[in-house]
Amino acid sequence: MKRKDRNKILLSKLKELSSDLVTDPDKLKVFADRWRGGFRQYSFYNLLLIAVQKGEATLCAGFKQWNKQKRWVNEGEKALWILAPGFVS
């Protein structure tokens, strides 16, 4: 899938999830409870991106971070796309 197409799909899913979270306090609580545990280092926006791509995820890390933890990514697994942090000097 091309980057432009992927971004378009992700943006659409983000808008839908954001709307649900804003209009339904129960959904927001479920989201917050579910994502609080293993995703402390990610921004809220990146948490939304993870949720729309793999809602059942319980932990998320980069390929190298998994290897450092002696955990191995299964062959054929697809990446989850999030925003990289931007540093201002």
PDB file of N, CA and C in Angstrom:
ATOM      1  N   MET A   1       0.841  -1.172   0.000  1.00  0.00           N
ATOM      2  CA  MET A   1       0.000   0.000   0.000  1.00  0.00           C
ATOM      3  C   MET A   1       0.887   1.237   0.000  1.00  0.00           C
ATOM      4  N   LYS A   2       0.529   2.197  -0.796  1.00  0.00           N
ATOM      5  CA  LYS A   2       1.313   3.426  -0.875  1.00  0.00           C
ATOM      6  C   LYS A   2       1.101   4.272   0.377  1.00  0.00           C
ATOM      7  N   ARG A   3       2.126   5.049   0.703  1.00  0.00           N
ATOM      8  CA  ARG A   3       2.092   5.887   1.898  1.00  0.00           C
ATOM      9  C   ARG A   3       0.878   6.816   1.902  1.00  0.00           C
ATOM     10  N   LYS A   4       0.587   7.425   0.768  1.00  0.00           N
ATOM     11  CA  LYS A   4      -0.529   8.370   0.686  1.00  0.00           C
ATOM     12  C   LYS A   4      -1.856   7.671   0.995  1.00  0.00           C
ATOM     13  N   ASP A   5      -2.033   6.474   0.444  1.00  0.00           N
ATOM     14  CA  ASP A   5      -3.258   5.708   0.690  1.00  0.00           C
ATOM     15  C   ASP A   5      -3.352   5.283   2.155  1.00  0.00           C
ATOM     16  N   ARG A   6      -2.233   4.819   2.703  1.00  0.00           N
ATOM     17  CA  ARG A   6      -2.206   4.395   4.103  1.00  0.00           C
ATOM     18  C   ARG A   6      -2.554   5.564   5.019  1.00  0.00           C
ATOM     19  N   ASN A   7      -1.971   6.720   4.748  1.00  0.00           N
ATOM     20  CA  ASN A   7      -2.229   7.891   5.577  1.00  0.00           C
ATOM     21  C   ASN A   7      -3.691   8.314   5.505  1.00  0.00           C
ATOM     22  N   LYS A   8      -4.273   8.217   4.329  1.00  0.00           N
ATOM     23  CA  LYS A   8      -5.681   8.581   4.147  1.00  0.00           C
ATOM     24  C   LYS A   8      -6.587   7.666   4.974  1.00  0.00           C
ATOM     25  N   ILE A   9      -6.303   6.371   4.940  1.00  0.00           N
ATOM     26  CA  ILE A   9      -7.091   5.399   5.705  1.00  0.00           C
ATOM     27  C   ILE A   9      -6.920   5.639   7.206  1.00  0.00           C
ATOM     28  N   LEU A  10      -5.672   5.839   7.646  1.00  0.00           N
ATOM     29  CA  LEU A  10      -5.420   6.080   9.070  1.00  0.00           C
ATOM     30  C   LEU A  10      -6.117   7.343   9.556  1.00  0.00           C
ATOM     31  N   LEU A  11      -6.080   8.400   8.757  1.00  0.00           N
ATOM     32  CA  LEU A  11      -6.725   9.651   9.140  1.00  0.00           C
ATOM     33  C   LEU A  11      -8.227   9.462   9.287  1.00  0.00           C
ATOM     34  N   SER A  12      -8.825   8.730   8.377  1.00  0.00           N
ATOM     35  CA  SER A  12     -10.256   8.453   8.451  1.00  0.00           C
ATOM     36  C   SER A  12     -10.596   7.683   9.725  1.00  0.00           C
ATOM     37  N   LYS A  13      -9.811   6.665  10.038  1.00  0.00           N
ATOM     38  CA  LYS A  13     -10.049   5.870  11.245  1.00  0.00           C
ATOM     39  C   LYS A  13      -9.813   6.696  12.509  1.00  0.00           C
ATOM     40  N   LEU A  14      -8.802   7.586  12.467  1.00  0.00           N
ATOM     41  CA  LEU A  14      -8.527   8.453  13.613  1.00  0.00           C
ATOM     42  C   LEU A  14      -9.697   9.382  13.896  1.00  0.00           C
ATOM     43  N   LYS A  15     -10.253   9.960  12.844  1.00  0.00           N
ATOM     44  CA  LYS A  15     -11.398  10.862  13.011  1.00  0.00           C
ATOM     45  C   LYS A  15     -12.577  10.127  13.629  1.00  0.00           C
ATOM     46  N   GLU A  16     -12.815   8.909  13.168  1.00  0.00           N
ATOM     47  CA  GLU A  16     -13.925   8.113  13.693  1.00  0.00           C
ATOM     48  C   GLU A  16     -13.711   7.781  15.171  1.00  0.00           C
ATOM     49  N   LEU A  17     -12.518   7.308  15.525  1.00  0.00           N
ATOM     50  CA  LEU A  17     -12.229   6.967  16.914  1.00  0.00           C
ATOM     51  C   LEU A  17     -12.275   8.207  17.801  1.00  0.00           C
ATOM     52  N   SER A  18     -11.700   9.311  17.346  1.00  0.00           N
ATOM     53  CA  SER A  18     -11.702  10.549  18.125  1.00  0.00           C
ATOM     54  C   SER A  18     -13.122  11.012  18.400  1.00  0.00           C
ATOM     55  N   SER A  19     -13.965  10.944  17.389  1.00  0.00           N
ATOM     56  CA  SER A  19     -15.365  11.332  17.543  1.00  0.00           C
ATOM     57  C   SER A  19     -16.055  10.452  18.576  1.00  0.00           C
ATOM     58  N   ASP A  20     -15.812   9.151  18.510  1.00  0.00           N
ATOM     59  CA  ASP A  20     -16.404   8.224  19.481  1.00  0.00           C
ATOM     60  C   ASP A  20     -15.949   8.549  20.900  1.00  0.00           C
ATOM     61  N   LEU A  21     -14.671   8.840  21.075  1.00  0.00           N
ATOM     62  CA  LEU A  21     -14.133   9.106  22.407  1.00  0.00           C
ATOM     63  C   LEU A  21     -14.667  10.411  22.985  1.00  0.00           C
ATOM     64  N   VAL A  22     -14.893  11.401  22.125  1.00  0.00           N
ATOM     65  CA  VAL A  22     -15.383  12.703  22.578  1.00  0.00           C
ATOM     66  C   VAL A  22     -16.863  12.638  22.946  1.00  0.00           C
ATOM     67  N   THR A  23     -17.629  11.858  22.204  1.00  0.00           N
ATOM     68  CA  THR A  23     -19.079  11.837  22.410  1.00  0.00           C
ATOM     69  C   THR A  23     -19.546  10.778  23.401  1.00  0.00           C
ATOM     70  N   ASP A  24     -18.720   9.813  23.733  1.00  0.00           N
ATOM     71  CA  ASP A  24     -19.138   8.730  24.627  1.00  0.00           C
ATOM     72  C   ASP A  24     -18.129   8.564  25.764  1.00  0.00           C
ATOM     73  N   PRO A  25     -18.455   9.102  26.951  1.00  0.00           N
ATOM     74  CA  PRO A  25     -17.526   9.020  28.084  1.00  0.00           C
ATOM     75  C   PRO A  25     -17.159   7.582  28.463  1.00  0.00           C
ATOM     76  N   ASP A  26     -18.086   6.653  28.271  1.00  0.00           N
ATOM     77  CA  ASP A  26     -17.787   5.255  28.596  1.00  0.00           C
ATOM     78  C   ASP A  26     -16.699   4.698  27.684  1.00  0.00           C
ATOM     79  N   LYS A  27     -16.757   5.038  26.399  1.00  0.00           N
ATOM     80  CA  LYS A  27     -15.725   4.590  25.458  1.00  0.00           C
ATOM     81  C   LYS A  27     -14.374   5.207  25.807  1.00  0.00           C
ATOM     82  N   LEU A  28     -14.399   6.469  26.238  1.00  0.00           N
ATOM     83  CA  LEU A  28     -13.157   7.134  26.633  1.00  0.00           C
ATOM     84  C   LEU A  28     -12.544   6.434  27.845  1.00  0.00           C
ATOM     85  N   LYS A  29     -13.369   6.076  28.822  1.00  0.00           N
ATOM     86  CA  LYS A  29     -12.857   5.384  30.004  1.00  0.00           C
ATOM     87  C   LYS A  29     -12.269   4.021  29.632  1.00  0.00           C
ATOM     88  N   VAL A  30     -12.964   3.280  28.787  1.00  0.00           N
ATOM     89  CA  VAL A  30     -12.460   1.974  28.348  1.00  0.00           C
ATOM     90  C   VAL A  30     -11.128   2.147  27.624  1.00  0.00           C
ATOM     91  N   PHE A  31     -11.050   3.153  26.746  1.00  0.00           N
ATOM     92  CA  PHE A  31      -9.813   3.432  26.011  1.00  0.00           C
ATOM     93  C   PHE A  31      -8.679   3.757  26.983  1.00  0.00           C
ATOM     94  N   ALA A  32      -8.953   4.656  27.926  1.00  0.00           N
ATOM     95  CA  ALA A  32      -7.914   5.080  28.874  1.00  0.00           C
ATOM     96  C   ALA A  32      -7.433   3.914  29.733  1.00  0.00           C
ATOM     97  N   ASP A  33      -8.367   3.115  30.223  1.00  0.00           N
ATOM     98  CA  ASP A  33      -7.987   1.972  31.064  1.00  0.00           C
ATOM     99  C   ASP A  33      -7.159   0.960  30.285  1.00  0.00           C
ATOM    100  N   ARG A  34      -7.567   0.695  29.058  1.00  0.00           N
ATOM    101  CA  ARG A  34      -6.892  -0.314  28.243  1.00  0.00           C
ATOM    102  C   ARG A  34      -5.480   0.126  27.867  1.00  0.00           C
ATOM    103  N   TRP A  35      -5.309   1.377  27.565  1.00  0.00           N
ATOM    104  CA  TRP A  35      -4.041   1.848  27.013  1.00  0.00           C
ATOM    105  C   TRP A  35      -3.083   2.400  28.055  1.00  0.00           C
ATOM    106  N   ARG A  36      -3.518   2.509  29.276  1.00  0.00           N
ATOM    107  CA  ARG A  36      -2.663   3.082  30.318  1.00  0.00           C
ATOM    108  C   ARG A  36      -1.460   2.201  30.641  1.00  0.00           C
ATOM    109  N   GLY A  37      -1.639   0.897  30.648  1.00  0.00           N
ATOM    110  CA  GLY A  37      -0.614  -0.035  31.111  1.00  0.00           C
ATOM    111  C   GLY A  37       0.692  -0.055  30.349  1.00  0.00           C
ATOM    112  N   GLY A  38       0.711  -0.522  29.104  1.00  0.00           N
ATOM    113  CA  GLY A  38       1.964  -0.772  28.411  1.00  0.00           C
ATOM    114  C   GLY A  38       2.380   0.287  27.414  1.00  0.00           C
ATOM    115  N   PHE A  39       1.772   1.455  27.472  1.00  0.00           N
ATOM    116  CA  PHE A  39       2.047   2.462  26.448  1.00  0.00           C
ATOM    117  C   PHE A  39       2.404   3.813  27.051  1.00  0.00           C
ATOM    118  N   ARG A  40       3.091   3.807  28.160  1.00  0.00           N
ATOM    119  CA  ARG A  40       3.367   5.053  28.875  1.00  0.00           C
ATOM    120  C   ARG A  40       4.210   6.051  28.081  1.00  0.00           C
ATOM    121  N   GLN A  41       5.083   5.581  27.224  1.00  0.00           N
ATOM    122  CA  GLN A  41       6.011   6.484  26.548  1.00  0.00           C
ATOM    123  C   GLN A  41       5.431   7.110  25.281  1.00  0.00           C
ATOM    124  N   TYR A  42       4.200   6.750  24.913  1.00  0.00           N
ATOM    125  CA  TYR A  42       3.633   7.253  23.667  1.00  0.00           C
ATOM    126  C   TYR A  42       2.695   8.426  23.917  1.00  0.00           C
ATOM    127  N   SER A  43       2.661   9.358  22.968  1.00  0.00           N
ATOM    128  CA  SER A  43       1.740  10.486  23.052  1.00  0.00           C
ATOM    129  C   SER A  43       0.311   9.992  22.852  1.00  0.00           C
ATOM    130  N   PHE A  44      -0.651  10.814  23.230  1.00  0.00           N
ATOM    131  CA  PHE A  44      -2.056  10.444  23.054  1.00  0.00           C
ATOM    132  C   PHE A  44      -2.363  10.193  21.585  1.00  0.00           C
ATOM    133  N   TYR A  45      -1.810  11.031  20.714  1.00  0.00           N
ATOM    134  CA  TYR A  45      -2.046  10.864  19.278  1.00  0.00           C
ATOM    135  C   TYR A  45      -1.489   9.523  18.790  1.00  0.00           C
ATOM    136  N   ASN A  46      -0.312   9.164  19.233  1.00  0.00           N
ATOM    137  CA  ASN A  46       0.256   7.866  18.852  1.00  0.00           C
ATOM    138  C   ASN A  46      -0.543   6.707  19.447  1.00  0.00           C
ATOM    139  N   LEU A  47      -1.096   6.893  20.645  1.00  0.00           N
ATOM    140  CA  LEU A  47      -1.975   5.862  21.204  1.00  0.00           C
ATOM    141  C   LEU A  47      -3.191   5.652  20.312  1.00  0.00           C
ATOM    142  N   LEU A  48      -3.735   6.748  19.794  1.00  0.00           N
ATOM    143  CA  LEU A  48      -4.867   6.638  18.869  1.00  0.00           C
ATOM    144  C   LEU A  48      -4.450   5.896  17.604  1.00  0.00           C
ATOM    145  N   LEU A  49      -3.271   6.221  17.079  1.00  0.00           N
ATOM    146  CA  LEU A  49      -2.788   5.537  15.875  1.00  0.00           C
ATOM    147  C   LEU A  49      -2.613   4.038  16.115  1.00  0.00           C
ATOM    148  N   ILE A  50      -2.075   3.675  17.262  1.00  0.00           N
ATOM    149  CA  ILE A  50      -1.919   2.256  17.588  1.00  0.00           C
ATOM    150  C   ILE A  50      -3.289   1.592  17.684  1.00  0.00           C
ATOM    151  N   ALA A  51      -4.224   2.266  18.340  1.00  0.00           N
ATOM    152  CA  ALA A  51      -5.562   1.696  18.542  1.00  0.00           C
ATOM    153  C   ALA A  51      -6.286   1.438  17.232  1.00  0.00           C
ATOM    154  N   VAL A  52      -6.178   2.357  16.272  1.00  0.00           N
ATOM    155  CA  VAL A  52      -6.917   2.154  15.018  1.00  0.00           C
ATOM    156  C   VAL A  52      -6.257   1.101  14.138  1.00  0.00           C
ATOM    157  N   GLN A  53      -4.975   0.840  14.361  1.00  0.00           N
ATOM    158  CA  GLN A  53      -4.290  -0.162  13.546  1.00  0.00           C
ATOM    159  C   GLN A  53      -4.356  -1.558  14.153  1.00  0.00           C
ATOM    160  N   LYS A  54      -4.320  -1.627  15.482  1.00  0.00           N
ATOM    161  CA  LYS A  54      -4.343  -2.934  16.154  1.00  0.00           C
ATOM    162  C   LYS A  54      -4.951  -2.737  17.535  1.00  0.00           C
ATOM    163  N   GLY A  55      -6.268  -2.663  17.554  1.00  0.00           N
ATOM    164  CA  GLY A  55      -6.994  -2.362  18.786  1.00  0.00           C
ATOM    165  C   GLY A  55      -6.746  -3.328  19.925  1.00  0.00           C
ATOM    166  N   GLU A  56      -6.366  -4.559  19.599  1.00  0.00           N
ATOM    167  CA  GLU A  56      -6.142  -5.556  20.647  1.00  0.00           C
ATOM    168  C   GLU A  56      -4.712  -5.554  21.180  1.00  0.00           C
ATOM    169  N   ALA A  57      -3.864  -4.644  20.695  1.00  0.00           N
ATOM    170  CA  ALA A  57      -2.470  -4.587  21.151  1.00  0.00           C
ATOM    171  C   ALA A  57      -2.409  -4.304  22.650  1.00  0.00           C
ATOM    172  N   THR A  58      -1.488  -4.958  23.330  1.00  0.00           N
ATOM    173  CA  THR A  58      -1.296  -4.718  24.760  1.00  0.00           C
ATOM    174  C   THR A  58       0.078  -4.125  25.058  1.00  0.00           C
ATOM    175  N   LEU A  59       1.025  -4.312  24.164  1.00  0.00           N
ATOM    176  CA  LEU A  59       2.354  -3.713  24.258  1.00  0.00           C
ATOM    177  C   LEU A  59       2.773  -3.281  22.861  1.00  0.00           C
ATOM    178  N   CYS A  60       3.604  -2.265  22.802  1.00  0.00           N
ATOM    179  CA  CYS A  60       4.067  -1.793  21.502  1.00  0.00           C
ATOM    180  C   CYS A  60       5.505  -1.309  21.654  1.00  0.00           C
ATOM    181  N   ALA A  61       6.355  -1.711  20.716  1.00  0.00           N
ATOM    182  CA  ALA A  61       7.757  -1.291  20.737  1.00  0.00           C
ATOM    183  C   ALA A  61       8.323  -1.423  19.334  1.00  0.00           C
ATOM    184  N   GLY A  62       9.431  -0.764  19.104  1.00  0.00           N
ATOM    185  CA  GLY A  62      10.121  -0.886  17.834  1.00  0.00           C
ATOM    186  C   GLY A  62      10.845  -2.223  17.735  1.00  0.00           C
ATOM    187  N   PHE A  63      11.243  -2.569  16.534  1.00  0.00           N
ATOM    188  CA  PHE A  63      11.905  -3.849  16.278  1.00  0.00           C
ATOM    189  C   PHE A  63      13.130  -4.033  17.173  1.00  0.00           C
ATOM    190  N   LYS A  64      13.966  -3.009  17.260  1.00  0.00           N
ATOM    191  CA  LYS A  64      15.192  -3.113  18.068  1.00  0.00           C
ATOM    192  C   LYS A  64      14.880  -3.220  19.562  1.00  0.00           C
ATOM    193  N   GLN A  65      13.831  -2.517  19.999  1.00  0.00           N
ATOM    194  CA  GLN A  65      13.457  -2.593  21.410  1.00  0.00           C
ATOM    195  C   GLN A  65      12.974  -4.000  21.778  1.00  0.00           C
ATOM    196  N   TRP A  66      12.232  -4.645  20.868  1.00  0.00           N
ATOM    197  CA  TRP A  66      11.808  -6.026  21.125  1.00  0.00           C
ATOM    198  C   TRP A  66      13.032  -6.929  21.250  1.00  0.00           C
ATOM    199  N   ASN A  67      13.990  -6.768  20.351  1.00  0.00           N
ATOM    200  CA  ASN A  67      15.191  -7.612  20.392  1.00  0.00           C
ATOM    201  C   ASN A  67      15.980  -7.410  21.685  1.00  0.00           C
ATOM    202  N   LYS A  68      16.069  -6.158  22.163  1.00  0.00           N
ATOM    203  CA  LYS A  68      16.780  -5.893  23.418  1.00  0.00           C
ATOM    204  C   LYS A  68      16.124  -6.612  24.592  1.00  0.00           C
ATOM    205  N   GLN A  69      14.827  -6.806  24.506  1.00  0.00           N
ATOM    206  CA  GLN A  69      14.082  -7.497  25.561  1.00  0.00           C
ATOM    207  C   GLN A  69      14.072  -9.017  25.365  1.00  0.00           C
ATOM    208  N   LYS A  70      14.868  -9.467  24.384  1.00  0.00           N
ATOM    209  CA  LYS A  70      14.927 -10.897  24.038  1.00  0.00           C
ATOM    210  C   LYS A  70      13.555 -11.423  23.590  1.00  0.00           C
ATOM    211  N   ARG A  71      12.836 -10.555  22.879  1.00  0.00           N
ATOM    212  CA  ARG A  71      11.551 -10.922  22.267  1.00  0.00           C
ATOM    213  C   ARG A  71      11.740 -10.789  20.769  1.00  0.00           C
ATOM    214  N   TRP A  72      11.092 -11.634  19.991  1.00  0.00           N
ATOM    215  CA  TRP A  72      11.342 -11.663  18.560  1.00  0.00           C
ATOM    216  C   TRP A  72      10.052 -11.439  17.786  1.00  0.00           C
ATOM    217  N   VAL A  73      10.138 -10.590  16.795  1.00  0.00           N
ATOM    218  CA  VAL A  73       8.991 -10.302  15.933  1.00  0.00           C
ATOM    219  C   VAL A  73       8.800 -11.486  14.990  1.00  0.00           C
ATOM    220  N   ASN A  74       7.575 -11.968  14.898  1.00  0.00           N
ATOM    221  CA  ASN A  74       7.278 -13.094  14.011  1.00  0.00           C
ATOM    222  C   ASN A  74       7.432 -12.693  12.552  1.00  0.00           C
ATOM    223  N   GLU A  75       7.936 -13.609  11.756  1.00  0.00           N
ATOM    224  CA  GLU A  75       8.082 -13.366  10.328  1.00  0.00           C
ATOM    225  C   GLU A  75       6.709 -13.067   9.728  1.00  0.00           C
ATOM    226  N   GLY A  76       6.666 -12.042   8.881  1.00  0.00           N
ATOM    227  CA  GLY A  76       5.418 -11.676   8.219  1.00  0.00           C
ATOM    228  C   GLY A  76       4.595 -10.633   8.960  1.00  0.00           C
ATOM    229  N   GLU A  77       5.001 -10.281  10.189  1.00  0.00           N
ATOM    230  CA  GLU A  77       4.269  -9.256  10.932  1.00  0.00           C
ATOM    231  C   GLU A  77       4.420  -7.909  10.236  1.00  0.00           C
ATOM    232  N   LYS A  78       3.397  -7.092  10.341  1.00  0.00           N
ATOM    233  CA  LYS A  78       3.404  -5.766   9.725  1.00  0.00           C
ATOM    234  C   LYS A  78       3.664  -4.703  10.786  1.00  0.00           C
ATOM    235  N   ALA A  79       4.308  -3.634  10.371  1.00  0.00           N
ATOM    236  CA  ALA A  79       4.614  -2.527  11.277  1.00  0.00           C
ATOM    237  C   ALA A  79       3.352  -1.745  11.617  1.00  0.00           C
ATOM    238  N   LEU A  80       3.349  -1.153  12.814  1.00  0.00           N
ATOM    239  CA  LEU A  80       2.330  -0.176  13.179  1.00  0.00           C
ATOM    240  C   LEU A  80       2.949   1.190  12.940  1.00  0.00           C
ATOM    241  N   TRP A  81       2.226   2.059  12.289  1.00  0.00           N
ATOM    242  CA  TRP A  81       2.754   3.364  11.928  1.00  0.00           C
ATOM    243  C   TRP A  81       2.356   4.393  12.971  1.00  0.00           C
ATOM    244  N   ILE A  82       3.371   5.042  13.563  1.00  0.00           N
ATOM    245  CA  ILE A  82       3.148   6.124  14.508  1.00  0.00           C
ATOM    246  C   ILE A  82       4.044   7.290  14.112  1.00  0.00           C
ATOM    247  N   LEU A  83       3.851   8.415  14.777  1.00  0.00           N
ATOM    248  CA  LEU A  83       4.662   9.595  14.493  1.00  0.00           C
ATOM    249  C   LEU A  83       5.937   9.556  15.320  1.00  0.00           C
ATOM    250  N   ALA A  84       7.038   9.830  14.677  1.00  0.00           N
ATOM    251  CA  ALA A  84       8.317   9.910  15.385  1.00  0.00           C
ATOM    252  C   ALA A  84       8.366  11.234  16.133  1.00  0.00           C
ATOM    253  N   PRO A  85       9.020  11.256  17.292  1.00  0.00           N
ATOM    254  CA  PRO A  85       9.121  12.520  18.022  1.00  0.00           C
ATOM    255  C   PRO A  85       9.952  13.529  17.245  1.00  0.00           C
ATOM    256  N   GLY A  86       9.567  14.779  17.337  1.00  0.00           N
ATOM    257  CA  GLY A  86      10.324  15.848  16.693  1.00  0.00           C
ATOM    258  C   GLY A  86      11.080  16.634  17.750  1.00  0.00           C
ATOM    259  N   PHE A  87      12.331  16.882  17.502  1.00  0.00           N
ATOM    260  CA  PHE A  87      13.151  17.613  18.454  1.00  0.00           C
ATOM    261  C   PHE A  87      13.457  18.998  17.893  1.00  0.00           C
ATOM    262  N   VAL A  88      13.302  19.997  18.731  1.00  0.00           N
ATOM    263  CA  VAL A  88      13.565  21.373  18.330  1.00  0.00           C
ATOM    264  C   VAL A  88      14.804  21.846  19.071  1.00  0.00           C
ATOM    265  N   SER A  89      15.753  22.436  18.322  1.00  0.00           N
ATOM    266  CA  SER A  89      16.965  22.909  18.996  1.00  0.00           C
ATOM    267  C   SER A  89      16.967  24.409  19.097  1.00  0.00           C
TER     268      SER A  89
END
